[in-house]
């Protein structure tokens, strides 16, 4: 689902159950402004395969920033 951005403030509520078995599997929510400015909040497998982690992947003025929450 997609919608055009009409505000600087958004609120989202969701619930999911997800147990990835490979690092390439992700499930989450993305907010896209343009190719240089977007945010993707998602669950994925930890790099050491020890479980699931929450990641916030962001592009800000074309710079990619990856935040990991264990």
N, C-alpha and C. Protein backbone atom coordinates (compact mmCIF):
# COMPACT_ATOMS: atom_id res chain seq x y z
N UNK A 1 0.85 -1.16 0.00
CA UNK A 1 0.00 0.00 0.00
C UNK A 1 0.89 1.23 0.00
N UNK A 2 0.50 2.25 -0.71
CA UNK A 2 1.29 3.48 -0.78
C UNK A 2 0.35 4.69 -0.81
N UNK A 3 0.86 5.79 -0.31
CA UNK A 3 0.12 7.04 -0.37
C UNK A 3 1.11 8.19 -0.50
N UNK A 4 0.68 9.24 -1.09
CA UNK A 4 1.53 10.41 -1.25
C UNK A 4 1.70 11.10 0.10
N UNK A 5 2.92 11.55 0.38
CA UNK A 5 3.20 12.25 1.64
C UNK A 5 2.48 13.60 1.63
N UNK A 6 1.69 13.84 2.67
CA UNK A 6 0.95 15.08 2.79
C UNK A 6 1.25 15.80 4.10
N UNK A 7 2.21 15.26 4.87
CA UNK A 7 2.53 15.83 6.17
C UNK A 7 3.96 15.46 6.55
N UNK A 8 4.52 16.18 7.50
CA UNK A 8 5.83 15.81 8.05
C UNK A 8 5.68 14.87 9.23
N UNK A 9 4.46 14.65 9.69
CA UNK A 9 4.20 13.81 10.85
C UNK A 9 3.31 12.64 10.47
N UNK A 10 3.76 11.44 10.83
CA UNK A 10 2.98 10.23 10.56
C UNK A 10 2.99 9.34 11.79
N UNK A 11 1.95 8.58 11.95
CA UNK A 11 1.85 7.61 13.03
C UNK A 11 1.41 6.28 12.42
N UNK A 12 2.07 5.20 12.84
CA UNK A 12 1.77 3.88 12.29
C UNK A 12 1.70 2.87 13.43
N UNK A 13 0.73 1.98 13.35
CA UNK A 13 0.62 0.88 14.30
C UNK A 13 0.50 -0.40 13.50
N UNK A 14 1.28 -1.40 13.89
CA UNK A 14 1.21 -2.68 13.20
C UNK A 14 1.59 -3.80 14.15
N UNK A 15 1.32 -5.01 13.76
CA UNK A 15 1.69 -6.18 14.55
C UNK A 15 2.06 -7.28 13.56
N UNK A 16 3.14 -7.99 13.83
CA UNK A 16 3.50 -9.10 12.96
C UNK A 16 4.29 -10.14 13.72
N UNK A 17 4.21 -11.36 13.23
CA UNK A 17 5.04 -12.46 13.71
C UNK A 17 5.91 -12.89 12.55
N UNK A 18 7.22 -12.89 12.77
CA UNK A 18 8.15 -13.16 11.67
C UNK A 18 9.41 -13.79 12.23
N UNK A 19 9.77 -14.95 11.73
CA UNK A 19 10.98 -15.64 12.16
C UNK A 19 11.83 -15.97 10.93
N UNK A 20 12.70 -15.03 10.53
CA UNK A 20 13.50 -15.26 9.33
C UNK A 20 14.50 -16.40 9.52
N UNK A 21 14.74 -17.14 8.45
CA UNK A 21 15.71 -18.23 8.47
C UNK A 21 16.94 -17.91 7.63
N UNK A 22 16.97 -16.73 7.03
CA UNK A 22 18.10 -16.29 6.20
C UNK A 22 18.20 -14.78 6.29
N UNK A 23 19.43 -14.25 6.25
CA UNK A 23 19.61 -12.80 6.41
C UNK A 23 18.91 -11.96 5.34
N UNK A 24 18.61 -12.56 4.21
CA UNK A 24 17.96 -11.80 3.14
C UNK A 24 16.45 -11.68 3.33
N UNK A 25 15.90 -12.39 4.31
CA UNK A 25 14.46 -12.31 4.57
C UNK A 25 14.18 -11.15 5.51
N UNK A 26 13.28 -10.26 5.11
CA UNK A 26 12.92 -9.11 5.94
C UNK A 26 11.41 -8.90 5.90
N UNK A 27 10.90 -8.26 6.94
CA UNK A 27 9.49 -7.87 6.99
C UNK A 27 9.44 -6.55 7.73
N UNK A 28 8.77 -5.57 7.15
CA UNK A 28 8.75 -4.29 7.83
C UNK A 28 7.90 -3.25 7.13
N UNK A 29 8.23 -2.01 7.41
CA UNK A 29 7.46 -0.87 6.94
C UNK A 29 8.41 0.15 6.33
N UNK A 30 8.08 0.65 5.16
CA UNK A 30 8.92 1.65 4.51
C UNK A 30 8.18 2.95 4.29
N UNK A 31 8.91 4.05 4.41
CA UNK A 31 8.40 5.38 4.10
C UNK A 31 9.33 5.96 3.04
N UNK A 32 8.80 6.26 1.87
CA UNK A 32 9.60 6.67 0.72
C UNK A 32 9.23 8.08 0.31
N UNK A 33 10.22 8.98 0.31
CA UNK A 33 10.01 10.33 -0.21
C UNK A 33 10.56 10.42 -1.63
N UNK A 34 11.82 10.07 -1.80
CA UNK A 34 12.43 9.95 -3.12
C UNK A 34 13.63 9.01 -2.99
N UNK A 35 14.37 8.79 -4.06
CA UNK A 35 15.46 7.81 -4.02
C UNK A 35 16.60 8.20 -3.09
N UNK A 36 16.66 9.43 -2.67
CA UNK A 36 17.70 9.88 -1.75
C UNK A 36 17.23 10.03 -0.31
N UNK A 37 15.94 9.90 -0.07
CA UNK A 37 15.38 10.11 1.26
C UNK A 37 14.25 9.12 1.53
N UNK A 38 14.55 8.10 2.34
CA UNK A 38 13.56 7.09 2.69
C UNK A 38 13.97 6.42 3.99
N UNK A 39 13.03 5.68 4.57
CA UNK A 39 13.27 4.94 5.82
C UNK A 39 12.62 3.56 5.67
N UNK A 40 13.31 2.52 6.13
CA UNK A 40 12.77 1.17 6.12
C UNK A 40 13.04 0.55 7.49
N UNK A 41 12.00 0.36 8.27
CA UNK A 41 12.06 -0.28 9.59
C UNK A 41 11.68 -1.73 9.40
N UNK A 42 12.56 -2.66 9.75
CA UNK A 42 12.27 -4.05 9.46
C UNK A 42 12.92 -5.03 10.43
N UNK A 43 12.32 -6.22 10.48
CA UNK A 43 12.88 -7.35 11.21
C UNK A 43 13.69 -8.19 10.23
N UNK A 44 14.81 -8.72 10.69
CA UNK A 44 15.64 -9.59 9.86
C UNK A 44 16.46 -10.49 10.77
N UNK A 45 17.15 -11.45 10.19
CA UNK A 45 17.99 -12.35 10.97
C UNK A 45 19.27 -11.62 11.38
N UNK A 46 19.73 -11.84 12.61
CA UNK A 46 20.98 -11.25 13.08
C UNK A 46 22.14 -11.76 12.24
N UNK A 47 23.19 -10.95 12.10
CA UNK A 47 24.34 -11.35 11.29
C UNK A 47 24.99 -12.63 11.80
N UNK A 48 24.97 -12.84 13.12
CA UNK A 48 25.55 -14.06 13.68
C UNK A 48 24.54 -15.20 13.76
N UNK A 49 23.37 -15.01 13.13
CA UNK A 49 22.29 -16.01 13.05
C UNK A 49 21.77 -16.43 14.42
N UNK A 50 21.90 -15.55 15.43
CA UNK A 50 21.49 -15.89 16.79
C UNK A 50 20.04 -15.56 17.08
N UNK A 51 19.35 -14.97 16.12
CA UNK A 51 17.95 -14.63 16.34
C UNK A 51 17.51 -13.51 15.42
N UNK A 52 16.44 -12.86 15.79
CA UNK A 52 15.86 -11.79 14.99
C UNK A 52 16.23 -10.44 15.59
N UNK A 53 16.54 -9.48 14.72
CA UNK A 53 16.86 -8.13 15.17
C UNK A 53 15.97 -7.13 14.43
N UNK A 54 15.81 -5.98 15.04
CA UNK A 54 15.09 -4.86 14.43
C UNK A 54 16.11 -3.91 13.85
N UNK A 55 15.95 -3.55 12.58
CA UNK A 55 16.87 -2.63 11.92
C UNK A 55 16.10 -1.43 11.37
N UNK A 56 16.74 -0.30 11.43
CA UNK A 56 16.22 0.90 10.79
C UNK A 56 17.23 1.29 9.72
N UNK A 57 16.85 1.13 8.48
CA UNK A 57 17.70 1.47 7.35
C UNK A 57 17.18 2.77 6.78
N UNK A 58 18.09 3.74 6.60
CA UNK A 58 17.67 5.08 6.20
C UNK A 58 18.58 5.63 5.12
N UNK A 59 18.00 6.36 4.20
CA UNK A 59 18.77 7.17 3.26
C UNK A 59 18.41 8.62 3.56
N UNK A 60 19.42 9.41 3.85
CA UNK A 60 19.21 10.83 4.17
C UNK A 60 20.12 11.64 3.26
N UNK A 61 19.51 12.35 2.34
CA UNK A 61 20.25 13.12 1.34
C UNK A 61 21.23 12.24 0.59
N UNK A 62 20.82 11.00 0.32
CA UNK A 62 21.63 10.06 -0.44
C UNK A 62 22.60 9.24 0.38
N UNK A 63 22.79 9.56 1.66
CA UNK A 63 23.69 8.79 2.52
C UNK A 63 22.92 7.68 3.20
N UNK A 64 23.41 6.45 3.07
CA UNK A 64 22.74 5.28 3.67
C UNK A 64 23.22 5.11 5.11
N UNK A 65 22.27 5.00 6.03
CA UNK A 65 22.56 4.85 7.46
C UNK A 65 21.84 3.59 7.94
N UNK A 66 22.57 2.70 8.62
CA UNK A 66 21.99 1.44 9.08
C UNK A 66 22.08 1.40 10.61
N UNK A 67 20.92 1.35 11.27
CA UNK A 67 20.86 1.25 12.72
C UNK A 67 20.34 -0.15 13.08
N UNK A 68 21.01 -0.82 14.03
CA UNK A 68 20.60 -2.17 14.44
C UNK A 68 20.23 -2.14 15.92
N UNK A 69 19.07 -2.70 16.25
CA UNK A 69 18.59 -2.80 17.63
C UNK A 69 18.47 -4.27 17.97
N UNK A 70 19.29 -4.77 18.89
CA UNK A 70 19.27 -6.19 19.23
C UNK A 70 18.31 -6.46 20.37
